[in-house]
All heavy atoms as atom14 arrays in JSON, in Angstrom:
{
  "sequence": "PFNVNARDASIFSMDPTIAYRINPDKACDIFTKY",
  "atom14_mask": [
    [1, 1, 1, 1, 1, 1, 1, 0, 0, 0, 0, 0, 0, 0],
    [1, 1, 1, 1, 1, 1, 1, 1, 1, 1, 1, 0, 0, 0],
    [1, 1, 1, 1, 1, 1, 1, 1, 0, 0, 0, 0, 0, 0],
    [1, 1, 1, 1, 1, 1, 1, 0, 0, 0, 0, 0, 0, 0],
    [1, 1, 1, 1, 1, 1, 1, 1, 0, 0, 0, 0, 0, 0],
    [1, 1, 1, 1, 1, 0, 0, 0, 0, 0, 0, 0, 0, 0],
    [1, 1, 1, 1, 1, 1, 1, 1, 1, 1, 1, 0, 0, 0],
    [1, 1, 1, 1, 1, 1, 1, 1, 0, 0, 0, 0, 0, 0],
    [1, 1, 1, 1, 1, 0, 0, 0, 0, 0, 0, 0, 0, 0],
    [1, 1, 1, 1, 1, 1, 0, 0, 0, 0, 0, 0, 0, 0],
    [1, 1, 1, 1, 1, 1, 1, 1, 0, 0, 0, 0, 0, 0],
    [1, 1, 1, 1, 1, 1, 1, 1, 1, 1, 1, 0, 0, 0],
    [1, 1, 1, 1, 1, 1, 0, 0, 0, 0, 0, 0, 0, 0],
    [1, 1, 1, 1, 1, 1, 1, 1, 0, 0, 0, 0, 0, 0],
    [1, 1, 1, 1, 1, 1, 1, 1, 0, 0, 0, 0, 0, 0],
    [1, 1, 1, 1, 1, 1, 1, 0, 0, 0, 0, 0, 0, 0],
    [1, 1, 1, 1, 1, 1, 1, 0, 0, 0, 0, 0, 0, 0],
    [1, 1, 1, 1, 1, 1, 1, 1, 0, 0, 0, 0, 0, 0],
    [1, 1, 1, 1, 1, 0, 0, 0, 0, 0, 0, 0, 0, 0],
    [1, 1, 1, 1, 1, 1, 1, 1, 1, 1, 1, 1, 0, 0],
    [1, 1, 1, 1, 1, 1, 1, 1, 1, 1, 1, 0, 0, 0],
    [1, 1, 1, 1, 1, 1, 1, 1, 0, 0, 0, 0, 0, 0],
    [1, 1, 1, 1, 1, 1, 1, 1, 0, 0, 0, 0, 0, 0],
    [1, 1, 1, 1, 1, 1, 1, 0, 0, 0, 0, 0, 0, 0],
    [1, 1, 1, 1, 1, 1, 1, 1, 0, 0, 0, 0, 0, 0],
    [1, 1, 1, 1, 1, 1, 1, 1, 1, 0, 0, 0, 0, 0],
    [1, 1, 1, 1, 1, 0, 0, 0, 0, 0, 0, 0, 0, 0],
    [1, 1, 1, 1, 1, 1, 0, 0, 0, 0, 0, 0, 0, 0],
    [1, 1, 1, 1, 1, 1, 1, 1, 0, 0, 0, 0, 0, 0],
    [1, 1, 1, 1, 1, 1, 1, 1, 0, 0, 0, 0, 0, 0],
    [1, 1, 1, 1, 1, 1, 1, 1, 1, 1, 1, 0, 0, 0],
    [1, 1, 1, 1, 1, 1, 1, 0, 0, 0, 0, 0, 0, 0],
    [1, 1, 1, 1, 1, 1, 1, 1, 1, 0, 0, 0, 0, 0],
    [1, 1, 1, 1, 1, 1, 1, 1, 1, 1, 1, 1, 0, 0]
  ],
  "atom14_positions": [
    [[5.46, -8.62, -7.01], [4.75, -9.44, -6.02], [5.24, -9.33, -4.61], [6.4, -9.12, -4.33], [5.03, -10.9, -6.55], [5.34, -10.72, -7.97], [6.05, -9.39, -8.12], [0.0, 0.0, 0.0], [0.0, 0.0, 0.0], [0.0, 0.0, 0.0], [0.0, 0.0, 0.0], [0.0, 0.0, 0.0], [0.0, 0.0, 0.0], [0.0, 0.0, 0.0]],
    [[4.25, -9.35, -3.71], [4.53, -9.46, -2.24], [4.4, -10.86, -1.73], [3.49, -11.55, -2.19], [3.53, -8.61, -1.46], [3.66, -7.11, -1.71], [2.96, -6.46, -2.76], [4.37, -6.29, -0.81], [3.13, -5.13, -2.99], [4.45, -4.95, -1.0], [3.86, -4.36, -2.15], [0.0, 0.0, 0.0], [0.0, 0.0, 0.0], [0.0, 0.0, 0.0]],
    [[5.27, -11.31, -0.91], [5.11, -12.62, -0.24], [4.7, -12.42, 1.17], [5.34, -11.75, 1.98], [6.45, -13.37, -0.28], [6.8, -13.88, -1.67], [5.97, -14.1, -2.52], [8.14, -13.97, -1.96], [0.0, 0.0, 0.0], [0.0, 0.0, 0.0], [0.0, 0.0, 0.0], [0.0, 0.0, 0.0], [0.0, 0.0, 0.0], [0.0, 0.0, 0.0]],
    [[3.56, -13.05, 1.51], [3.02, -12.95, 2.88], [2.65, -14.37, 3.39], [2.45, -15.32, 2.55], [1.81, -12.06, 2.99], [2.15, -10.59, 2.64], [0.72, -12.53, 2.03], [0.0, 0.0, 0.0], [0.0, 0.0, 0.0], [0.0, 0.0, 0.0], [0.0, 0.0, 0.0], [0.0, 0.0, 0.0], [0.0, 0.0, 0.0], [0.0, 0.0, 0.0]],
    [[2.56, -14.53, 4.7], [2.26, -15.79, 5.26], [0.82, -15.86, 5.76], [0.31, -14.91, 6.35], [3.17, -16.1, 6.49], [4.62, -16.24, 6.06], [4.92, -16.66, 4.96], [5.53, -15.95, 6.95], [0.0, 0.0, 0.0], [0.0, 0.0, 0.0], [0.0, 0.0, 0.0], [0.0, 0.0, 0.0], [0.0, 0.0, 0.0], [0.0, 0.0, 0.0]],
    [[0.17, -17.01, 5.46], [-1.14, -17.24, 6.02], [-0.97, -17.67, 7.51], [0.11, -17.79, 8.0], [-1.85, -18.36, 5.24], [0.0, 0.0, 0.0], [0.0, 0.0, 0.0], [0.0, 0.0, 0.0], [0.0, 0.0, 0.0], [0.0, 0.0, 0.0], [0.0, 0.0, 0.0], [0.0, 0.0, 0.0], [0.0, 0.0, 0.0], [0.0, 0.0, 0.0]],
    [[-2.05, -17.95, 8.14], [-2.12, -18.25, 9.55], [-1.28, -19.55, 9.78], [-0.65, -19.72, 10.89], [-3.52, -18.35, 10.1], [-3.61, -18.42, 11.59], [-5.1, -18.35, 12.01], [-5.9, -19.35, 11.37], [-7.19, -19.28, 11.23], [-7.89, -18.28, 11.75], [-7.91, -20.3, 10.7], [0.0, 0.0, 0.0], [0.0, 0.0, 0.0], [0.0, 0.0, 0.0]],
    [[-1.34, -20.5, 8.84], [-0.63, -21.75, 9.06], [0.76, -21.72, 8.44], [1.35, -22.78, 8.14], [-1.45, -22.9, 8.44], [-1.84, -22.62, 7.03], [-1.4, -21.6, 6.44], [-2.66, -23.37, 6.49], [0.0, 0.0, 0.0], [0.0, 0.0, 0.0], [0.0, 0.0, 0.0], [0.0, 0.0, 0.0], [0.0, 0.0, 0.0], [0.0, 0.0, 0.0]],
    [[1.29, -20.54, 8.15], [2.68, -20.32, 7.68], [2.92, -20.6, 6.25], [4.01, -20.51, 5.75], [3.67, -21.08, 8.56], [0.0, 0.0, 0.0], [0.0, 0.0, 0.0], [0.0, 0.0, 0.0], [0.0, 0.0, 0.0], [0.0, 0.0, 0.0], [0.0, 0.0, 0.0], [0.0, 0.0, 0.0], [0.0, 0.0, 0.0], [0.0, 0.0, 0.0]],
    [[1.85, -20.9, 5.47], [2.0, -21.08, 4.02], [2.26, -19.73, 3.42], [1.69, -18.69, 3.76], [0.7, -21.67, 3.43], [0.47, -22.91, 3.98], [0.0, 0.0, 0.0], [0.0, 0.0, 0.0], [0.0, 0.0, 0.0], [0.0, 0.0, 0.0], [0.0, 0.0, 0.0], [0.0, 0.0, 0.0], [0.0, 0.0, 0.0], [0.0, 0.0, 0.0]],
    [[3.15, -19.69, 2.41], [3.59, -18.45, 1.77], [2.75, -18.19, 0.52], [2.72, -19.03, -0.38], [5.04, -18.48, 1.46], [5.9, -18.64, 2.76], [5.48, -17.2, 0.73], [7.37, -18.76, 2.45], [0.0, 0.0, 0.0], [0.0, 0.0, 0.0], [0.0, 0.0, 0.0], [0.0, 0.0, 0.0], [0.0, 0.0, 0.0], [0.0, 0.0, 0.0]],
    [[2.09, -17.1, 0.42], [1.3, -16.71, -0.71], [1.96, -15.47, -1.38], [2.57, -14.68, -0.73], [-0.11, -16.27, -0.29], [-1.04, -17.41, -0.04], [-0.9, -18.06, 1.29], [-1.98, -17.9, -0.9], [-1.73, -19.14, 1.59], [-2.79, -18.97, -0.59], [-2.61, -19.58, 0.67], [0.0, 0.0, 0.0], [0.0, 0.0, 0.0], [0.0, 0.0, 0.0]],
    [[1.84, -15.42, -2.71], [2.36, -14.34, -3.51], [1.21, -13.43, -3.93], [0.21, -13.95, -4.48], [3.14, -14.84, -4.77], [3.62, -13.84, -5.5], [0.0, 0.0, 0.0], [0.0, 0.0, 0.0], [0.0, 0.0, 0.0], [0.0, 0.0, 0.0], [0.0, 0.0, 0.0], [0.0, 0.0, 0.0], [0.0, 0.0, 0.0], [0.0, 0.0, 0.0]],
    [[1.36, -12.15, -3.73], [0.32, -11.18, -4.09], [0.83, -10.19, -5.11], [1.92, -9.64, -4.92], [-0.11, -10.4, -2.81], [-0.52, -11.26, -1.61], [-2.0, -12.17, -1.89], [-2.09, -13.1, -0.35], [0.0, 0.0, 0.0], [0.0, 0.0, 0.0], [0.0, 0.0, 0.0], [0.0, 0.0, 0.0], [0.0, 0.0, 0.0], [0.0, 0.0, 0.0]],
    [[0.04, -10.01, -6.22], [0.48, -9.09, -7.21], [-0.57, -7.92, -7.26], [-1.54, -8.06, -7.9], [0.49, -9.73, -8.57], [1.55, -10.9, -8.66], [1.3, -11.97, -8.17], [2.65, -10.54, -9.1], [0.0, 0.0, 0.0], [0.0, 0.0, 0.0], [0.0, 0.0, 0.0], [0.0, 0.0, 0.0], [0.0, 0.0, 0.0], [0.0, 0.0, 0.0]],
    [[-0.33, -6.83, -6.52], [-1.34, -5.77, -6.44], [-1.2, -4.68, -7.48], [-0.1, -4.47, -8.0], [-1.05, -5.16, -5.0], [0.42, -5.35, -4.86], [0.83, -6.62, -5.6], [0.0, 0.0, 0.0], [0.0, 0.0, 0.0], [0.0, 0.0, 0.0], [0.0, 0.0, 0.0], [0.0, 0.0, 0.0], [0.0, 0.0, 0.0], [0.0, 0.0, 0.0]],
    [[-2.34, -4.17, -7.84], [-2.43, -2.95, -8.68], [-3.34, -1.97, -7.96], [-4.49, -2.35, -7.63], [-2.95, -3.23, -10.08], [-2.08, -4.14, -10.74], [-3.09, -2.02, -10.93], [0.0, 0.0, 0.0], [0.0, 0.0, 0.0], [0.0, 0.0, 0.0], [0.0, 0.0, 0.0], [0.0, 0.0, 0.0], [0.0, 0.0, 0.0], [0.0, 0.0, 0.0]],
    [[-2.92, -0.76, -7.81], [-3.67, 0.27, -7.11], [-3.94, 1.47, -7.95], [-2.99, 1.89, -8.72], [-3.04, 0.66, -5.77], [-3.92, 1.6, -4.97], [-1.67, 1.32, -6.0], [-3.45, 1.9, -3.57], [0.0, 0.0, 0.0], [0.0, 0.0, 0.0], [0.0, 0.0, 0.0], [0.0, 0.0, 0.0], [0.0, 0.0, 0.0], [0.0, 0.0, 0.0]],
    [[-5.05, 2.06, -7.91], [-5.42, 3.31, -8.59], [-5.84, 4.25, -7.54], [-6.75, 3.96, -6.75], [-6.48, 3.13, -9.64], [0.0, 0.0, 0.0], [0.0, 0.0, 0.0], [0.0, 0.0, 0.0], [0.0, 0.0, 0.0], [0.0, 0.0, 0.0], [0.0, 0.0, 0.0], [0.0, 0.0, 0.0], [0.0, 0.0, 0.0], [0.0, 0.0, 0.0]],
    [[-5.16, 5.43, -7.38], [-5.42, 6.3, -6.3], [-5.23, 7.74, -6.79], [-4.73, 8.01, -7.9], [-4.42, 6.04, -5.14], [-3.03, 6.48, -5.49], [-2.52, 7.69, -5.1], [-2.19, 5.62, -6.25], [-1.18, 8.1, -5.45], [-0.9, 5.95, -6.57], [-0.42, 7.27, -6.16], [0.84, 7.64, -6.49], [0.0, 0.0, 0.0], [0.0, 0.0, 0.0]],
    [[-5.66, 8.68, -5.96], [-5.37, 10.12, -6.25], [-5.14, 10.81, -4.91], [-5.54, 10.29, -3.84], [-6.49, 10.74, -6.98], [-7.86, 10.66, -6.32], [-8.96, 11.2, -7.2], [-10.27, 11.01, -6.59], [-10.84, 11.92, -5.79], [-10.18, 13.06, -5.51], [-12.0, 11.72, -5.28], [0.0, 0.0, 0.0], [0.0, 0.0, 0.0], [0.0, 0.0, 0.0]],
    [[-4.52, 11.99, -4.98], [-4.18, 12.73, -3.78], [-5.34, 13.7, -3.51], [-5.84, 14.39, -4.41], [-2.88, 13.52, -3.95], [-1.71, 12.55, -3.98], [-2.68, 14.55, -2.88], [-0.34, 13.21, -4.26], [0.0, 0.0, 0.0], [0.0, 0.0, 0.0], [0.0, 0.0, 0.0], [0.0, 0.0, 0.0], [0.0, 0.0, 0.0], [0.0, 0.0, 0.0]],
    [[-5.75, 13.75, -2.26], [-6.77, 14.71, -1.79], [-6.11, 16.09, -1.79], [-5.13, 16.38, -1.05], [-7.23, 14.37, -0.45], [-8.36, 15.25, 0.05], [-8.72, 16.26, -0.57], [-8.95, 14.94, 1.16], [0.0, 0.0, 0.0], [0.0, 0.0, 0.0], [0.0, 0.0, 0.0], [0.0, 0.0, 0.0], [0.0, 0.0, 0.0], [0.0, 0.0, 0.0]],
    [[-6.54, 17.02, -2.67], [-5.94, 18.35, -2.74], [-5.87, 19.1, -1.44], [-4.92, 19.87, -1.17], [-6.75, 19.14, -3.73], [-7.4, 18.06, -4.59], [-7.69, 16.93, -3.64], [0.0, 0.0, 0.0], [0.0, 0.0, 0.0], [0.0, 0.0, 0.0], [0.0, 0.0, 0.0], [0.0, 0.0, 0.0], [0.0, 0.0, 0.0], [0.0, 0.0, 0.0]],
    [[-6.85, 18.84, -0.57], [-6.88, 19.53, 0.77], [-5.8, 19.05, 1.69], [-5.52, 19.74, 2.67], [-8.29, 19.33, 1.43], [-9.42, 19.94, 0.58], [-9.16, 20.9, -0.17], [-10.54, 19.45, 0.64], [0.0, 0.0, 0.0], [0.0, 0.0, 0.0], [0.0, 0.0, 0.0], [0.0, 0.0, 0.0], [0.0, 0.0, 0.0], [0.0, 0.0, 0.0]],
    [[-5.22, 17.94, 1.35], [-4.19, 17.39, 2.29], [-2.83, 17.29, 1.61], [-1.86, 16.63, 2.14], [-4.57, 16.0, 2.77], [-5.74, 16.05, 3.77], [-5.97, 14.68, 4.41], [-7.06, 14.77, 5.48], [-7.18, 13.47, 6.24], [0.0, 0.0, 0.0], [0.0, 0.0, 0.0], [0.0, 0.0, 0.0], [0.0, 0.0, 0.0], [0.0, 0.0, 0.0]],
    [[-2.64, 17.95, 0.47], [-1.44, 17.9, -0.28], [-0.26, 18.51, 0.55], [0.84, 18.0, 0.61], [-1.52, 18.63, -1.59], [0.0, 0.0, 0.0], [0.0, 0.0, 0.0], [0.0, 0.0, 0.0], [0.0, 0.0, 0.0], [0.0, 0.0, 0.0], [0.0, 0.0, 0.0], [0.0, 0.0, 0.0], [0.0, 0.0, 0.0], [0.0, 0.0, 0.0]],
    [[-0.53, 19.65, 1.23], [0.43, 20.29, 2.03], [0.86, 19.41, 3.23], [2.08, 19.31, 3.54], [-0.05, 21.66, 2.59], [-0.04, 22.94, 1.35], [0.0, 0.0, 0.0], [0.0, 0.0, 0.0], [0.0, 0.0, 0.0], [0.0, 0.0, 0.0], [0.0, 0.0, 0.0], [0.0, 0.0, 0.0], [0.0, 0.0, 0.0], [0.0, 0.0, 0.0]],
    [[-0.1, 18.69, 3.83], [0.22, 17.8, 4.92], [1.11, 16.65, 4.45], [2.0, 16.24, 5.19], [-1.05, 17.28, 5.53], [-1.91, 18.37, 6.14], [-1.34, 19.41, 6.54], [-3.16, 18.23, 6.26], [0.0, 0.0, 0.0], [0.0, 0.0, 0.0], [0.0, 0.0, 0.0], [0.0, 0.0, 0.0], [0.0, 0.0, 0.0], [0.0, 0.0, 0.0]],
    [[0.82, 16.17, 3.3], [1.56, 15.06, 2.73], [3.05, 15.48, 2.5], [4.03, 14.79, 2.89], [0.95, 14.51, 1.41], [-0.42, 13.82, 1.69], [1.94, 13.55, 0.77], [-1.12, 13.45, 0.44], [0.0, 0.0, 0.0], [0.0, 0.0, 0.0], [0.0, 0.0, 0.0], [0.0, 0.0, 0.0], [0.0, 0.0, 0.0], [0.0, 0.0, 0.0]],
    [[3.2, 16.63, 1.85], [4.55, 17.14, 1.65], [5.29, 17.46, 2.93], [6.48, 17.17, 3.07], [4.55, 18.33, 0.71], [5.87, 18.85, 0.41], [6.7, 18.25, -0.54], [6.46, 19.93, 1.08], [7.96, 18.68, -0.79], [7.68, 20.41, 0.83], [8.54, 19.78, -0.09], [0.0, 0.0, 0.0], [0.0, 0.0, 0.0], [0.0, 0.0, 0.0]],
    [[4.57, 18.11, 3.85], [5.19, 18.41, 5.13], [5.7, 17.24, 5.88], [6.78, 17.25, 6.5], [4.19, 19.18, 6.03], [3.7, 20.38, 5.34], [4.82, 19.55, 7.33], [0.0, 0.0, 0.0], [0.0, 0.0, 0.0], [0.0, 0.0, 0.0], [0.0, 0.0, 0.0], [0.0, 0.0, 0.0], [0.0, 0.0, 0.0], [0.0, 0.0, 0.0]],
    [[5.0, 16.13, 5.75], [5.32, 14.91, 6.47], [6.42, 14.14, 5.79], [7.33, 13.59, 6.43], [4.11, 14.09, 6.7], [4.34, 12.84, 7.65], [2.98, 12.24, 7.99], [3.22, 11.07, 8.98], [1.96, 10.45, 9.33], [0.0, 0.0, 0.0], [0.0, 0.0, 0.0], [0.0, 0.0, 0.0], [0.0, 0.0, 0.0], [0.0, 0.0, 0.0]],
    [[6.33, 14.02, 4.46], [7.26, 13.13, 3.75], [8.31, 13.85, 2.92], [9.36, 13.26, 2.61], [6.43, 12.2, 2.88], [5.44, 11.31, 3.67], [4.12, 11.58, 3.7], [5.93, 10.23, 4.35], [3.24, 10.82, 4.44], [5.05, 9.42, 5.11], [3.73, 9.71, 5.14], [2.87, 8.99, 5.87], [0.0, 0.0, 0.0], [0.0, 0.0, 0.0]]
  ]
}
């Protein structure tokens, strides 16, 4: 979980799930940078 603040300073907990893939055309750029 991530804890973030709303505009009125209330703390909310976020439980994210992401599904992603790497763009093959930018794989070299990703490795070069990171």
